[in-house]
Amino acid sequence: MHGTAIGPMPRKTFMDKYLPVDERFKLSLSKKFFKTALPDTPSRESEVYEPFVNLMNATAKICPGFTFCDTADKMDPNSTSKFRPDVGLYEGERPSPTLVFAALELFIEWKLEEVADGYNKKFKDTTVYIENGASVKAKATRGQLYSYASLLMSHQHRLFGFAVGVYGSIARLYRFDRSSVVVSEPIYYLENPLHLVEFFWRFARLSPTERGYDPSVSLASSEECVLFDRAVAAYLRRVKEENLRTLPGLEKMTDGDYMTSKVQVNNRDGATSYYIIRKPLTPPVIPTPCGRATRGYVAIRVPDTATGWDGLQVDLEFLKDSWRVDGYDSEADIYAELRNGHVSHLPTISCAGDVIVDGNVQRTTNQDLLEDQDARPWRRPTGVIRTHIHHRVVQGLLYPLSTVKSARELIRASQDALESVIEAYTKCNRLHRDVSNGNIMLKENFTDGREESGILNDWDHSRNDDAETLIHNYRTIVYYRALGSLCQFCCCKTRRKDIISLMMSNPFFGSSSSWLFITSPTRANSAWRFSISLRPFLKA
């Protein structure tokens, strides 16, 4: 995430822009509010947590209805991560355990030394990034902040999130969204405690949407939760009775410890549908708060009928929630183009489009600060920061290659994916650009090999074969980038990349003994022809 920080934004500007409240801040505190409560020379960070938590909770006027908690001792039992922020803020009572990322409003990271501040304070060279790259401790602090922010936003349905960092005698405010992080100027909270307290005071008076929660997601009703559980149970029962392919991890969807949500999905034709989801089946791959943040859920569609749910049976579907880069074709538009071009072996799309609330498309806003440098002389240069747009796709259930039942089925699935790549290029002039064994999926049934088996999924990185649009990383090459003998392909913009990566996704072609088989265009084309030549054997 280096180069994605925007700042240092003045404290007052940060408050007024991101924490607007109608009520005037009139809280009166002693100038020694923090000095008298916090230890003067703590030897460990943990010595500060409890005094700070007790002080803030005892002053009820600061955050009425919220509770500060020491979250450094216990891990979240519903998280696979061992990361633990130092202090957390929750709405309502203290949770048990004290760290629950799904309910965390914001987190505070505490360091005893100012040198651990991850961002520059005062420097003459205004041509460098705000990130402090000289200090090892500063780099580690940024890593912690980004990890905590990623966990906060991946365990909740959020558009953005807030955090506070304390480094010795200074503090900073942060606002994360899927494009970047806005960093405030240093706040000398020991000298003027009101400058930091005002942030918490304002935060407690914001609406859930102003605190970052996604208004297109709400809690599911008890009837909707029952309908979801019944649909999952019916599916698992049918899989067992008919000895069908099993979707890994689906049995965990009945875990009542996870929040069940009702999600709005806008179709590209203007229609709106609602789906019930629970725990992510596929969490974000990259642990960062910025970026696409793709999550996948097993979902059921909320029935249109308002009554008679007792005997109603609904099918399970797959809901993909992501933040696409603005300026490129959406996945919904890509699937529509491929369908119109009669490309084979594509997923069945039920509903897909950008998320729209109150007539506005959900998009990141931090990057808007980059538009007028003259109006914001405090803004330091940044790296590449892109606008991201919230996008959802609902499609039929598909199964990973790990559930394959025979070599015949595996080869057939690979050939189906290969046909899809070829047809997309020849009919629509479109490259997939993310071919991998994770995106070659299987249908539920496969009997004698005569029907379709494989589906090429996840076309969100697809681009038309145009030099002007192929400016992002070519994700297809991830499977052979590390091999020196194939580095020549990394800068090449041809369909050969999709073909090569597809061959590497197949264990028969992806073994170590066959790497040399595709180290040249001629041999890659030979591999292509060899795969096509297997078709008659499958029909035998």
Protein backbone atom coordinates (compact mmCIF):
# COMPACT_ATOMS: atom_id res chain seq x y z
CA MET A 1 0.00 0.00 0.00
CA HIS A 2 3.00 2.32 -0.18
CA GLY A 3 2.00 5.52 -1.93
CA THR A 4 -1.71 5.19 -1.15
CA ALA A 5 -1.74 7.57 1.85
CA ILE A 6 -3.18 11.06 1.41
CA GLY A 7 -2.20 13.79 3.85
CA PRO A 8 -1.31 15.15 6.26
CA MET A 9 -4.84 16.60 6.42
CA PRO A 10 -5.34 19.36 9.03
CA ARG A 11 -7.18 18.12 12.10
CA LYS A 12 -10.08 20.57 11.79
CA THR A 13 -10.50 19.79 8.09
CA PHE A 14 -10.59 16.08 8.87
CA MET A 15 -13.25 16.57 11.57
CA ASP A 16 -15.49 18.82 9.50
CA LYS A 17 -15.28 16.70 6.33
CA TYR A 18 -15.61 13.20 7.73
CA LEU A 19 -17.36 13.68 11.09
CA PRO A 20 -19.96 16.40 10.52
CA VAL A 21 -22.36 16.98 13.43
CA ASP A 22 -25.03 19.62 14.00
CA GLU A 23 -24.38 19.83 17.73
CA ARG A 24 -21.66 22.22 18.84
CA PHE A 25 -18.68 20.73 20.68
CA LYS A 26 -18.81 22.29 24.16
CA LEU A 27 -17.10 19.68 26.32
CA SER A 28 -14.91 21.16 29.07
CA LEU A 29 -11.88 19.15 30.17
CA SER A 30 -8.75 19.79 32.16
CA LYS A 31 -5.61 20.33 30.11
CA LYS A 32 -4.13 17.49 32.16
CA PHE A 33 -6.98 15.15 31.23
CA PHE A 34 -4.62 12.54 29.77
CA LYS A 35 -1.47 13.46 31.68
CA THR A 36 -2.94 12.72 35.08
CA ALA A 37 -4.59 9.43 34.06
CA LEU A 38 -1.92 7.85 31.89
CA PRO A 39 1.44 6.64 33.27
CA ASP A 40 4.31 9.08 32.77
CA THR A 41 6.98 6.62 31.66
CA PRO A 42 5.40 3.27 30.86
CA SER A 43 7.81 0.46 30.10
CA ARG A 44 5.28 -1.48 28.04
CA GLU A 45 2.40 -0.46 25.80
CA SER A 46 -0.03 -2.63 27.76
CA GLU A 47 0.42 -0.40 30.81
CA VAL A 48 -1.43 2.38 28.98
CA TYR A 49 -4.48 0.47 27.70
CA GLU A 50 -6.45 0.03 30.92
CA PRO A 51 -5.96 3.59 32.25
CA PHE A 52 -7.02 5.01 28.87
CA VAL A 53 -10.06 2.73 28.61
CA ASN A 54 -11.17 3.52 32.17
CA LEU A 55 -10.71 7.26 31.65
CA MET A 56 -12.73 7.37 28.43
CA ASN A 57 -15.53 5.16 29.76
CA ALA A 58 -15.75 7.16 33.00
CA THR A 59 -16.29 10.39 31.07
CA ALA A 60 -19.72 9.47 29.77
CA LYS A 61 -20.26 12.68 27.81
CA ILE A 62 -17.52 11.80 25.33
CA CYS A 63 -19.04 8.66 23.79
CA PRO A 64 -22.52 8.04 25.19
CA GLY A 65 -23.79 4.62 24.15
CA PHE A 66 -20.31 3.35 23.28
CA THR A 67 -17.73 1.35 25.24
CA PHE A 68 -13.93 1.38 25.01
CA CYS A 69 -12.27 -2.01 25.56
CA ASP A 70 -8.76 -3.38 25.90
CA THR A 71 -8.63 -5.76 22.90
CA ALA A 72 -4.95 -6.73 23.05
CA ASP A 73 -5.31 -9.88 25.18
CA LYS A 74 -7.80 -12.08 23.34
CA MET A 75 -8.07 -13.13 19.71
CA ASP A 76 -11.35 -13.01 17.86
CA PRO A 77 -12.65 -16.63 17.88
CA ASN A 78 -14.44 -16.03 14.57
CA SER A 79 -11.29 -14.83 12.80
CA THR A 80 -8.44 -16.89 11.40
CA SER A 81 -6.04 -14.00 12.03
CA LYS A 82 -3.97 -13.62 15.19
CA PHE A 83 -3.81 -9.82 14.87
CA ARG A 84 -5.17 -7.89 17.83
CA PRO A 85 -5.51 -4.08 17.94
CA ASP A 86 -4.70 -2.48 21.28
CA VAL A 87 -8.00 -0.73 22.05
CA GLY A 88 -11.40 -1.07 20.43
CA LEU A 89 -14.60 0.97 20.51
CA TYR A 90 -17.99 -0.80 20.48
CA GLU A 91 -21.55 0.40 20.39
CA GLY A 92 -23.43 -0.70 23.50
CA GLU A 93 -22.06 -3.01 26.18
CA ARG A 94 -18.62 -4.57 26.43
CA PRO A 95 -18.57 -7.69 24.22
CA SER A 96 -17.31 -11.10 25.26
CA PRO A 97 -14.65 -11.82 24.21
CA THR A 98 -13.38 -8.28 24.10
CA LEU A 99 -12.21 -8.54 20.49
CA VAL A 100 -15.02 -9.08 17.97
CA PHE A 101 -14.11 -7.66 14.56
CA ALA A 102 -17.70 -8.06 13.36
CA ALA A 103 -18.87 -5.53 15.97
CA LEU A 104 -15.81 -3.25 16.18
CA GLU A 105 -16.57 0.41 15.42
CA LEU A 106 -12.96 1.61 15.29
CA PHE A 107 -9.59 0.61 16.69
CA ILE A 108 -6.70 2.41 18.38
CA GLU A 109 -3.09 1.38 17.91
CA TRP A 110 -0.68 2.53 20.65
CA LYS A 111 3.09 2.98 20.47
CA LEU A 112 5.30 4.46 23.17
CA GLU A 113 7.71 6.26 20.81
CA GLU A 114 7.12 8.95 18.23
CA VAL A 115 9.65 7.26 15.96
CA ALA A 116 7.05 4.52 15.44
CA ASP A 117 4.75 7.00 13.67
CA GLY A 118 4.31 5.58 10.19
CA TYR A 119 4.06 8.98 8.52
CA ASN A 120 6.27 12.04 8.25
CA LYS A 121 5.54 14.92 10.61
CA LYS A 122 7.38 17.93 9.26
CA PHE A 123 9.73 17.86 6.29
CA LYS A 124 10.91 20.39 3.75
CA ASP A 125 10.84 18.13 0.71
CA THR A 126 7.22 18.23 -0.48
CA THR A 127 7.97 15.94 -3.42
CA VAL A 128 8.14 12.74 -1.35
CA TYR A 129 5.36 10.53 -0.05
CA ILE A 130 3.89 11.15 3.38
CA GLU A 131 4.92 7.62 4.43
CA ASN A 132 7.94 7.53 6.70
CA GLY A 133 10.23 5.14 4.89
CA ALA A 134 13.34 5.66 7.00
CA SER A 135 12.24 3.96 10.21
CA VAL A 136 11.82 0.20 10.54
CA LYS A 137 9.37 0.79 13.38
CA ALA A 138 7.36 3.16 11.19
CA LYS A 139 7.06 0.53 8.47
CA ALA A 140 5.95 -2.04 11.02
CA THR A 141 3.34 0.39 12.37
CA ARG A 142 1.87 0.95 8.91
CA GLY A 143 1.73 -2.79 8.40
CA GLN A 144 -0.22 -3.20 11.64
CA LEU A 145 -2.63 -0.40 10.79
CA TYR A 146 -3.36 -1.82 7.34
CA SER A 147 -3.81 -5.33 8.74
CA TYR A 148 -6.26 -4.17 11.42
CA ALA A 149 -8.17 -2.02 8.94
CA SER A 150 -8.37 -4.97 6.55
CA LEU A 151 -9.79 -7.21 9.29
CA LEU A 152 -12.27 -4.54 10.34
CA MET A 153 -13.60 -4.07 6.82
CA SER A 154 -13.52 -7.75 5.82
CA HIS A 155 -15.59 -8.83 8.84
CA GLN A 156 -18.23 -6.16 8.23
CA HIS A 157 -20.14 -4.64 5.34
CA ARG A 158 -18.44 -1.25 5.18
CA LEU A 159 -17.75 1.51 2.70
CA PHE A 160 -15.00 2.96 4.89
CA GLY A 161 -13.63 2.83 8.43
CA PHE A 162 -11.87 5.00 11.00
CA ALA A 163 -8.84 4.39 13.21
CA VAL A 164 -6.60 6.26 15.65
CA GLY A 165 -2.86 5.88 16.11
CA VAL A 166 -1.05 7.11 19.23
CA TYR A 167 2.73 7.46 19.14
CA GLY A 168 4.25 8.80 22.32
CA SER A 169 2.96 12.35 22.72
CA ILE A 170 1.21 12.60 19.34
CA ALA A 171 -1.83 10.99 17.75
CA ARG A 172 -3.16 10.67 14.21
CA LEU A 173 -6.59 10.06 12.73
CA TYR A 174 -7.15 7.72 9.78
CA ARG A 175 -9.95 7.11 7.31
CA PHE A 176 -9.66 3.98 5.16
CA ASP A 177 -11.67 3.18 2.08
CA ARG A 178 -11.04 0.81 -0.84
CA SER A 179 -8.93 3.37 -2.69
CA SER A 180 -6.52 4.74 -0.06
CA VAL A 181 -6.11 6.05 3.48
CA VAL A 182 -6.43 9.69 4.56
CA VAL A 183 -3.99 10.62 7.33
CA SER A 184 -4.40 13.59 9.64
CA GLU A 185 -1.65 15.90 10.81
CA PRO A 186 -0.09 15.06 14.22
CA ILE A 187 -2.35 15.86 17.19
CA TYR A 188 -0.53 16.79 20.39
CA TYR A 189 -3.15 15.28 22.64
CA LEU A 190 -1.18 15.60 25.91
CA GLU A 191 -0.90 19.36 25.49
CA ASN A 192 -4.47 19.84 24.25
CA PRO A 193 -6.63 16.78 25.00
CA LEU A 194 -9.74 18.34 23.43
CA HIS A 195 -8.19 18.00 19.97
CA LEU A 196 -8.32 14.19 20.30
CA VAL A 197 -11.41 13.93 22.48
CA GLU A 198 -13.43 15.88 19.94
CA PHE A 199 -12.89 13.10 17.41
CA PHE A 200 -14.45 10.49 19.70
CA TRP A 201 -17.20 12.93 20.71
CA ARG A 202 -18.13 13.52 17.08
CA PHE A 203 -17.86 9.84 16.15
CA ALA A 204 -20.39 8.82 18.78
CA ARG A 205 -22.92 11.25 17.28
CA LEU A 206 -22.70 9.96 13.71
CA SER A 207 -25.27 7.72 12.06
CA PRO A 208 -24.23 4.15 11.13
CA THR A 209 -23.86 5.21 7.49
CA GLU A 210 -21.65 8.16 8.50
CA ARG A 211 -19.55 5.75 10.55
CA GLY A 212 -18.92 3.74 7.38
CA TYR A 213 -21.57 1.02 7.33
CA ASP A 214 -22.99 -0.03 3.98
CA PRO A 215 -26.65 1.12 3.75
CA SER A 216 -27.37 -1.54 1.10
CA VAL A 217 -26.95 -4.24 3.76
CA SER A 218 -29.26 -4.78 6.73
CA LEU A 219 -29.87 -7.46 9.33
CA ALA A 220 -31.97 -10.36 8.10
CA SER A 221 -35.27 -10.99 9.86
CA SER A 222 -35.84 -14.14 11.91
CA GLU A 223 -37.99 -15.56 9.07
CA GLU A 224 -35.21 -14.90 6.55
CA CYS A 225 -32.65 -16.59 8.81
CA VAL A 226 -34.87 -19.68 9.07
CA LEU A 227 -35.34 -19.74 5.30
CA PHE A 228 -31.56 -19.57 4.78
CA ASP A 229 -30.89 -22.40 7.25
CA ARG A 230 -33.59 -24.51 5.66
CA ALA A 231 -32.18 -23.98 2.17
CA VAL A 232 -28.64 -24.96 3.24
CA ALA A 233 -29.92 -28.02 5.14
CA ALA A 234 -32.00 -29.14 2.16
CA TYR A 235 -29.01 -28.79 -0.16
CA LEU A 236 -26.70 -30.78 2.15
CA ARG A 237 -29.35 -33.46 2.51
CA ARG A 238 -29.74 -33.78 -1.27
CA VAL A 239 -25.97 -33.97 -1.74
CA LYS A 240 -25.79 -36.85 0.72
CA GLU A 241 -28.80 -38.74 -0.65
CA GLU A 242 -27.84 -38.43 -4.31
CA ASN A 243 -24.05 -38.63 -3.79
CA LEU A 244 -23.51 -35.31 -5.54
CA ARG A 245 -20.50 -33.05 -5.61
CA THR A 246 -20.04 -31.16 -2.33
CA LEU A 247 -19.20 -27.46 -2.06
CA PRO A 248 -16.31 -27.23 0.45
CA GLY A 249 -17.12 -25.18 3.54
CA LEU A 250 -20.87 -25.09 2.99
CA GLU A 251 -21.63 -26.92 6.22
CA LYS A 252 -20.26 -23.94 8.15
CA MET A 253 -22.99 -21.71 6.72
CA THR A 254 -25.38 -23.00 9.41
CA ASP A 255 -23.17 -21.56 12.18
CA GLY A 256 -25.43 -19.21 14.11
CA ASP A 257 -22.49 -17.24 15.57
CA TYR A 258 -22.22 -15.27 12.33
CA MET A 259 -24.50 -12.39 11.46
CA THR A 260 -27.08 -13.11 8.78
CA SER A 261 -27.53 -10.17 6.42
CA LYS A 262 -29.94 -9.03 3.74
CA VAL A 263 -28.07 -7.63 0.74
CA GLN A 264 -29.34 -5.43 -2.06
CA VAL A 265 -28.24 -6.36 -5.59
CA ASN A 266 -28.92 -3.98 -8.47
CA ASN A 267 -29.18 -5.55 -11.90
CA ARG A 268 -27.78 -3.75 -14.94
CA ASP A 269 -31.34 -3.50 -16.36
CA GLY A 270 -32.45 -1.41 -13.36
CA ALA A 271 -34.18 -4.15 -11.35
CA THR A 272 -33.38 -4.62 -7.66
CA SER A 273 -33.28 -7.94 -5.81
CA TYR A 274 -32.45 -8.91 -2.24
CA TYR A 275 -30.40 -11.87 -1.06
CA ILE A 276 -29.67 -13.47 2.30
CA ILE A 277 -26.03 -14.23 3.14
CA ARG A 278 -24.03 -15.23 6.20
CA LYS A 279 -20.36 -16.09 6.54
CA PRO A 280 -18.09 -15.46 3.52
CA LEU A 281 -17.32 -18.67 1.71
CA THR A 282 -14.29 -17.01 0.12
CA PRO A 283 -12.79 -14.05 2.06
CA PRO A 284 -10.52 -11.46 0.41
CA VAL A 285 -7.27 -13.03 -0.77
CA ILE A 286 -5.01 -10.03 -0.15
CA PRO A 287 -5.01 -8.70 3.46
CA THR A 288 -5.27 -4.99 2.71
CA PRO A 289 -8.11 -2.49 3.23
CA CYS A 290 -7.56 -1.03 -0.25
CA GLY A 291 -8.26 -2.76 -3.52
CA ARG A 292 -10.95 -5.03 -4.91
CA ALA A 293 -11.64 -6.83 -1.59
CA THR A 294 -13.53 -9.64 -3.33
CA ARG A 295 -15.72 -11.77 -1.05
CA GLY A 296 -17.94 -14.68 -2.02
CA TYR A 297 -21.08 -15.83 -0.22
CA VAL A 298 -23.59 -18.63 -0.50
CA ALA A 299 -26.88 -16.78 -0.90
CA ILE A 300 -30.61 -17.27 -1.34
CA ARG A 301 -32.91 -14.84 -3.04
CA VAL A 302 -35.58 -13.24 -0.86
CA PRO A 303 -38.93 -14.47 -2.24
CA ASP A 304 -41.23 -11.88 -3.75
CA THR A 305 -44.20 -13.28 -1.82
CA ALA A 306 -44.70 -11.78 1.63
CA THR A 307 -46.47 -14.82 3.09
CA GLY A 308 -46.35 -18.58 2.92
CA TRP A 309 -42.63 -19.10 3.58
CA ASP A 310 -43.21 -22.23 5.70
CA GLY A 311 -43.22 -24.67 2.79
CA LEU A 312 -41.18 -22.55 0.40
CA GLN A 313 -38.03 -24.06 -1.12
CA VAL A 314 -35.35 -21.79 -2.57
CA ASP A 315 -32.14 -22.59 -4.45
CA LEU A 316 -28.67 -21.73 -3.25
CA GLU A 317 -26.69 -19.29 -5.36
CA PHE A 318 -23.30 -17.61 -5.16
CA LEU A 319 -23.00 -13.86 -4.48
CA LYS A 320 -19.74 -12.12 -5.36
CA ASP A 321 -19.11 -8.77 -3.67
CA SER A 322 -16.16 -6.69 -4.91
CA TRP A 323 -14.88 -3.18 -5.63
CA ARG A 324 -14.03 -2.82 -9.30
CA VAL A 325 -11.64 -0.22 -10.70
CA ASP A 326 -13.48 2.68 -12.31
CA GLY A 327 -12.89 3.26 -16.01
CA TYR A 328 -13.06 -0.39 -17.04
CA ASP A 329 -15.91 -2.67 -18.03
CA SER A 330 -17.89 -4.04 -15.12
CA GLU A 331 -18.21 -7.79 -14.74
CA ALA A 332 -21.95 -7.46 -15.39
CA ASP A 333 -21.28 -5.75 -18.73
CA ILE A 334 -18.58 -8.28 -19.61
CA TYR A 335 -20.90 -11.24 -19.07
CA ALA A 336 -23.60 -9.53 -21.13
CA GLU A 337 -21.12 -8.97 -23.97
CA LEU A 338 -19.92 -12.58 -23.86
CA ARG A 339 -23.49 -13.90 -23.82
CA ASN A 340 -24.41 -11.75 -26.80
CA GLY A 341 -21.32 -13.09 -28.57
CA HIS A 342 -22.45 -16.67 -27.86
CA VAL A 343 -19.32 -17.58 -25.89
CA SER A 344 -19.60 -21.02 -24.31
CA HIS A 345 -18.91 -22.32 -20.80
CA LEU A 346 -19.87 -19.23 -18.80
CA PRO A 347 -21.55 -19.10 -15.37
CA THR A 348 -25.30 -18.58 -15.19
CA ILE A 349 -25.86 -14.99 -14.02
CA SER A 350 -29.04 -14.24 -12.05
CA CYS A 351 -28.37 -10.61 -11.21
CA ALA A 352 -25.36 -8.31 -11.58
CA GLY A 353 -24.55 -4.61 -11.45
CA ASP A 354 -23.06 -1.72 -9.51
CA VAL A 355 -24.55 -1.06 -6.07
CA ILE A 356 -26.89 1.93 -6.15
CA VAL A 357 -28.38 3.55 -3.04
CA ASP A 358 -30.71 6.54 -3.25
CA GLY A 359 -29.85 6.96 -6.92
CA ASN A 360 -26.10 7.13 -6.30
CA VAL A 361 -23.55 4.49 -7.25
CA GLN A 362 -21.41 3.45 -4.28
CA ARG A 363 -17.84 4.54 -4.92
CA THR A 364 -14.74 5.43 -2.95
CA THR A 365 -14.24 9.11 -2.10
CA ASN A 366 -10.73 9.44 -0.65
CA GLN A 367 -9.27 9.84 -4.14
CA ASP A 368 -11.36 12.99 -4.68
CA LEU A 369 -8.80 14.84 -2.56
CA LEU A 370 -6.33 14.48 -5.42
CA GLU A 371 -8.32 16.61 -7.84
CA ASP A 372 -7.30 20.09 -6.72
CA GLN A 373 -3.77 20.34 -5.39
CA ASP A 374 -3.89 24.16 -5.12
CA ALA A 375 -6.85 24.00 -2.73
CA ARG A 376 -5.04 21.44 -0.58
CA PRO A 377 -1.42 22.53 -0.17
CA TRP A 378 -1.06 20.03 2.69
CA ARG A 379 -1.49 17.06 0.36
CA ARG A 380 1.78 15.32 -0.40
CA PRO A 381 2.36 13.41 -3.64
CA THR A 382 0.90 9.93 -3.81
CA GLY A 383 1.30 6.81 -5.86
CA VAL A 384 -1.38 5.43 -8.15
CA ILE A 385 -4.75 5.81 -6.42
CA ARG A 386 -7.78 4.63 -8.38
CA THR A 387 -11.48 5.14 -7.85
CA HIS A 388 -13.24 1.90 -6.96
CA ILE A 389 -16.95 1.15 -7.51
CA HIS A 390 -18.97 -1.35 -5.48
CA HIS A 391 -20.16 -4.24 -7.65
CA ARG A 392 -22.14 -7.42 -6.99
CA VAL A 393 -22.75 -10.50 -9.13
CA VAL A 394 -25.13 -13.38 -8.32
CA GLN A 395 -24.62 -16.61 -10.22
CA GLY A 396 -25.36 -20.33 -9.98
CA LEU A 397 -23.27 -22.51 -7.68
CA LEU A 398 -20.02 -23.83 -9.15
CA TYR A 399 -17.42 -26.16 -7.70
CA PRO A 400 -13.61 -25.92 -7.49
CA LEU A 401 -11.29 -28.26 -9.38
CA SER A 402 -10.41 -29.88 -6.05
CA THR A 403 -13.77 -31.65 -6.20
CA VAL A 404 -13.00 -33.39 -9.50
CA LYS A 405 -13.90 -37.09 -9.54
CA SER A 406 -11.95 -38.43 -12.51
CA ALA A 407 -9.17 -37.64 -14.96
CA ARG A 408 -11.74 -37.60 -17.75
CA GLU A 409 -13.71 -34.90 -15.98
CA LEU A 410 -10.60 -32.84 -15.28
CA ILE A 411 -9.45 -32.89 -18.90
CA ARG A 412 -12.93 -32.09 -20.12
CA ALA A 413 -13.24 -29.15 -17.73
CA SER A 414 -9.87 -27.79 -18.88
CA GLN A 415 -10.90 -28.10 -22.51
CA ASP A 416 -14.19 -26.35 -21.83
CA ALA A 417 -12.29 -23.48 -20.23
CA LEU A 418 -9.90 -23.43 -23.18
CA GLU A 419 -12.83 -23.24 -25.60
CA SER A 420 -14.21 -20.32 -23.61
CA VAL A 421 -10.87 -18.47 -23.83
CA ILE A 422 -10.65 -19.05 -27.58
CA GLU A 423 -14.27 -18.08 -28.27
CA ALA A 424 -14.02 -14.94 -26.14
CA TYR A 425 -11.03 -13.83 -28.19
CA THR A 426 -12.29 -14.79 -31.63
CA LYS A 427 -15.89 -13.63 -31.14
CA CYS A 428 -15.51 -10.67 -28.78
CA ASN A 429 -11.80 -9.77 -29.03
CA ARG A 430 -11.62 -10.21 -25.25
CA LEU A 431 -8.90 -11.73 -23.05
CA HIS A 432 -9.70 -13.30 -19.68
CA ARG A 433 -6.38 -12.25 -18.05
CA ASP A 434 -6.93 -14.18 -14.82
CA VAL A 435 -6.94 -17.82 -15.85
CA SER A 436 -6.04 -20.07 -12.91
CA ASN A 437 -7.11 -23.32 -11.31
CA GLY A 438 -9.22 -21.21 -8.97
CA ASN A 439 -11.25 -19.80 -11.85
CA ILE A 440 -11.80 -23.02 -13.77
CA MET A 441 -14.89 -24.37 -12.08
CA LEU A 442 -16.97 -27.52 -12.34
CA LYS A 443 -20.69 -28.01 -12.77
CA GLU A 444 -22.61 -30.11 -10.28
CA ASN A 445 -23.04 -33.23 -12.43
CA PHE A 446 -20.71 -35.06 -14.80
CA THR A 447 -21.63 -38.53 -16.03
CA ASP A 448 -20.11 -39.81 -19.26
CA GLY A 449 -18.15 -36.78 -20.45
CA ARG A 450 -20.49 -35.87 -23.28
CA GLU A 451 -22.00 -32.81 -21.63
CA GLU A 452 -20.39 -29.59 -20.46
CA SER A 453 -18.23 -30.02 -17.38
CA GLY A 454 -16.06 -26.90 -17.00
CA ILE A 455 -16.97 -23.25 -16.53
CA LEU A 456 -14.51 -20.38 -16.87
CA ASN A 457 -15.39 -18.04 -14.01
CA ASP A 458 -14.37 -14.58 -12.76
CA TRP A 459 -14.12 -12.39 -15.84
CA ASP A 460 -13.75 -9.18 -13.83
CA HIS A 461 -10.10 -8.73 -14.92
CA SER A 462 -11.02 -9.27 -18.56
CA ARG A 463 -10.06 -6.61 -21.08
CA ASN A 464 -10.46 -6.15 -24.80
CA ASP A 465 -7.26 -6.96 -26.68
CA ASP A 466 -6.32 -3.31 -27.00
CA ALA A 467 -2.96 -1.85 -25.98
CA GLU A 468 -4.66 1.21 -24.50
CA THR A 469 -6.73 -0.82 -22.03
CA LEU A 470 -4.19 -3.44 -20.97
CA ILE A 471 -2.42 -1.30 -18.39
CA HIS A 472 -3.12 -3.30 -15.24
CA ASN A 473 -1.13 -6.27 -14.03
CA TYR A 474 -1.73 -9.31 -16.17
CA ARG A 475 -2.85 -11.68 -13.42
CA THR A 476 -2.79 -14.72 -15.70
CA ILE A 477 1.02 -14.87 -15.52
CA VAL A 478 1.11 -15.46 -11.77
CA TYR A 479 1.58 -19.17 -12.38
CA TYR A 480 4.85 -18.83 -14.23
CA ARG A 481 6.26 -15.41 -13.39
CA ALA A 482 8.74 -16.93 -10.94
CA LEU A 483 10.30 -19.14 -13.58
CA GLY A 484 13.22 -17.45 -15.25
CA SER A 485 12.78 -19.40 -18.44
CA LEU A 486 9.33 -17.85 -18.90
CA CYS A 487 10.02 -14.26 -17.90
CA GLN A 488 9.97 -13.29 -21.57
CA PHE A 489 6.17 -13.58 -21.50
CA CYS A 490 5.62 -11.09 -18.65
CA CYS A 491 5.59 -8.07 -20.96
CA CYS A 492 3.84 -9.70 -23.87
CA LYS A 493 0.22 -8.84 -24.64
CA THR A 494 -1.14 -11.82 -26.55
CA ARG A 495 -3.71 -14.52 -25.98
CA ARG A 496 -0.78 -16.89 -25.43
CA LYS A 497 -0.78 -15.85 -21.75
CA ASP A 498 -4.31 -17.06 -21.17
CA ILE A 499 -3.56 -20.31 -22.96
CA ILE A 500 -0.32 -20.97 -21.09
CA SER A 501 -1.80 -20.24 -17.70
CA LEU A 502 -4.78 -22.47 -18.46
CA MET A 503 -2.40 -25.30 -19.29
CA MET A 504 -0.55 -24.70 -16.03
CA SER A 505 -3.83 -24.96 -14.14
CA ASN A 506 -4.19 -28.54 -15.37
CA PRO A 507 -2.02 -30.96 -13.34
CA PHE A 508 -1.34 -33.00 -16.50
CA PHE A 509 0.27 -30.00 -18.18
CA GLY A 510 1.41 -28.17 -15.03
CA SER A 511 3.86 -30.75 -13.70
CA SER A 512 7.49 -29.79 -13.32
CA SER A 513 8.47 -32.12 -16.16
CA SER A 514 6.34 -30.19 -18.65
CA TRP A 515 7.52 -26.64 -17.97
CA LEU A 516 9.95 -26.75 -20.88
CA PHE A 517 7.11 -27.86 -23.10
CA ILE A 518 5.74 -24.31 -23.32
CA THR A 519 8.80 -22.08 -23.12
CA SER A 520 8.33 -20.83 -26.66
CA PRO A 521 5.36 -19.63 -28.74
CA THR A 522 5.70 -22.67 -31.01
CA ARG A 523 5.52 -25.09 -28.10
CA ALA A 524 2.67 -23.15 -26.51
CA ASN A 525 0.71 -23.52 -29.71
CA SER A 526 1.59 -27.21 -29.75
CA ALA A 527 0.17 -27.54 -26.22
CA TRP A 528 -2.95 -25.80 -27.41
CA ARG A 529 -3.38 -28.22 -30.33
CA PHE A 530 -2.62 -31.20 -28.09
CA SER A 531 -5.43 -30.21 -25.69
CA ILE A 532 -7.89 -29.88 -28.58
CA SER A 533 -6.81 -33.26 -29.89
CA LEU A 534 -8.03 -34.92 -26.68
CA ARG A 535 -11.67 -34.16 -27.52
CA PRO A 536 -12.27 -37.37 -29.57
CA PHE A 537 -11.02 -39.51 -26.70
CA LEU A 538 -13.58 -38.01 -24.34
CA LYS A 539 -16.36 -38.81 -26.76
CA ALA A 540 -15.28 -42.41 -27.09
